[in-house]
Amino acid sequence: MNPQMLKQIQKIQAEMMERQQRLEETEFTGTSTGVSITLLGSKKVVDCKISADIIQDKEMLEDAICVAFNKAIEQVNSELEDILSSAKMPNFLGL
């Protein structure tokens, strides 16, 4: 493998690892009626807030938790997709 190609690949790999690390430390919050869930890009839940108004209705609370969590996960997945799609390998073959 050509040394210049190897350097470029290593640079891209280092950039990807750095962006992945930042993603894992970034907080994402999903909300639904009376519920807010915050998780890190590593998908670890770091906070959950539930309004007193929604506590009375168990089924509604369960649904709201699911919706809020899924919204937060969608944000993480979207950011991860952006990171992966931005990783463009150099065109060494001229294709």
Protein backbone atom coordinates (compact mmCIF):
# COMPACT_ATOMS: atom_id res chain seq x y z
CA MET A 1 0.00 0.00 0.00
CA ASN A 2 1.23 3.41 -0.93
CA PRO A 3 2.42 5.47 2.13
CA GLN A 4 0.32 8.50 1.16
CA MET A 5 -2.80 6.32 0.93
CA LEU A 6 -2.03 4.79 4.32
CA LYS A 7 -1.62 8.25 5.90
CA GLN A 8 -4.97 9.40 4.50
CA ILE A 9 -6.73 6.27 5.73
CA GLN A 10 -5.20 6.69 9.19
CA LYS A 11 -6.30 10.35 9.25
CA ILE A 12 -9.86 9.41 8.33
CA GLN A 13 -9.87 6.68 10.97
CA ALA A 14 -8.62 9.10 13.66
CA GLU A 15 -11.28 11.67 12.70
CA MET A 16 -14.00 9.02 12.86
CA MET A 17 -12.86 7.85 16.28
CA GLU A 18 -12.85 11.44 17.56
CA ARG A 19 -16.35 12.10 16.25
CA GLN A 20 -17.59 8.81 17.72
CA GLN A 21 -16.15 9.78 21.12
CA ARG A 22 -17.85 13.20 20.98
CA LEU A 23 -21.12 11.51 20.02
CA GLU A 24 -20.92 9.15 22.99
CA GLU A 25 -20.52 12.13 25.34
CA THR A 26 -23.29 14.25 23.77
CA GLU A 27 -26.68 14.38 25.47
CA PHE A 28 -29.89 13.82 23.51
CA THR A 29 -33.35 14.49 24.95
CA GLY A 30 -36.60 12.97 23.82
CA THR A 31 -39.88 14.35 25.10
CA SER A 32 -43.48 13.31 25.15
CA THR A 33 -46.52 14.46 27.10
CA GLY A 34 -45.27 14.88 30.65
CA VAL A 35 -42.03 12.91 30.12
CA SER A 36 -38.48 13.90 29.23
CA ILE A 37 -35.67 11.35 28.82
CA THR A 38 -32.05 12.34 28.32
CA LEU A 39 -29.43 9.89 27.17
CA LEU A 40 -25.88 10.01 25.98
CA GLY A 41 -24.81 9.11 22.47
CA SER A 42 -23.61 5.86 24.02
CA LYS A 43 -27.35 5.23 24.64
CA LYS A 44 -27.00 5.33 28.43
CA VAL A 45 -29.95 7.06 30.12
CA VAL A 46 -28.71 9.92 32.30
CA ASP A 47 -31.96 11.63 33.26
CA CYS A 48 -35.69 11.01 33.30
CA LYS A 49 -38.27 13.60 34.29
CA ILE A 50 -41.94 12.77 34.79
CA SER A 51 -44.61 15.40 35.36
CA ALA A 52 -46.87 14.85 38.36
CA ASP A 53 -49.88 15.38 36.06
CA ILE A 54 -49.21 12.20 34.10
CA ILE A 55 -48.51 9.91 37.07
CA GLN A 56 -52.22 9.32 37.64
CA ASP A 57 -52.66 7.51 34.33
CA LYS A 58 -50.39 4.43 34.28
CA GLU A 59 -51.05 3.51 30.64
CA MET A 60 -50.52 7.05 29.42
CA LEU A 61 -47.29 7.28 31.44
CA GLU A 62 -45.98 4.02 29.99
CA ASP A 63 -46.74 5.20 26.45
CA ALA A 64 -45.15 8.61 27.07
CA ILE A 65 -41.96 7.00 28.41
CA CYS A 66 -41.70 4.80 25.32
CA VAL A 67 -42.27 7.73 22.96
CA ALA A 68 -39.74 9.96 24.72
CA PHE A 69 -37.12 7.22 24.81
CA ASN A 70 -37.64 6.36 21.13
CA LYS A 71 -37.32 10.03 20.15
CA ALA A 72 -34.01 10.30 21.98
CA ILE A 73 -32.73 7.09 20.36
CA GLU A 74 -33.76 8.41 16.92
CA GLN A 75 -31.66 11.53 17.55
CA VAL A 76 -28.62 9.44 18.48
CA ASN A 77 -29.06 7.17 15.46
CA SER A 78 -29.48 10.15 13.14
CA GLU A 79 -26.27 11.72 14.43
CA LEU A 80 -24.43 8.42 14.08
CA GLU A 81 -25.70 8.07 10.52
CA ASP A 82 -24.40 11.57 9.74
CA ILE A 83 -20.99 10.64 11.13
CA LEU A 84 -20.82 7.45 9.10
CA SER A 85 -22.03 9.07 5.89
CA SER A 86 -19.44 11.83 6.19
CA ALA A 87 -16.61 9.28 6.23
CA LYS A 88 -15.65 9.45 2.62
CA MET A 89 -12.69 7.37 1.63
CA PRO A 90 -10.30 8.99 -0.83
CA ASN A 91 -10.65 7.76 -4.39
CA PHE A 92 -7.25 6.16 -4.91
CA LEU A 93 -8.37 4.01 -7.80
CA GLY A 94 -9.77 6.85 -9.88
CA LEU A 95 -13.25 5.31 -9.92
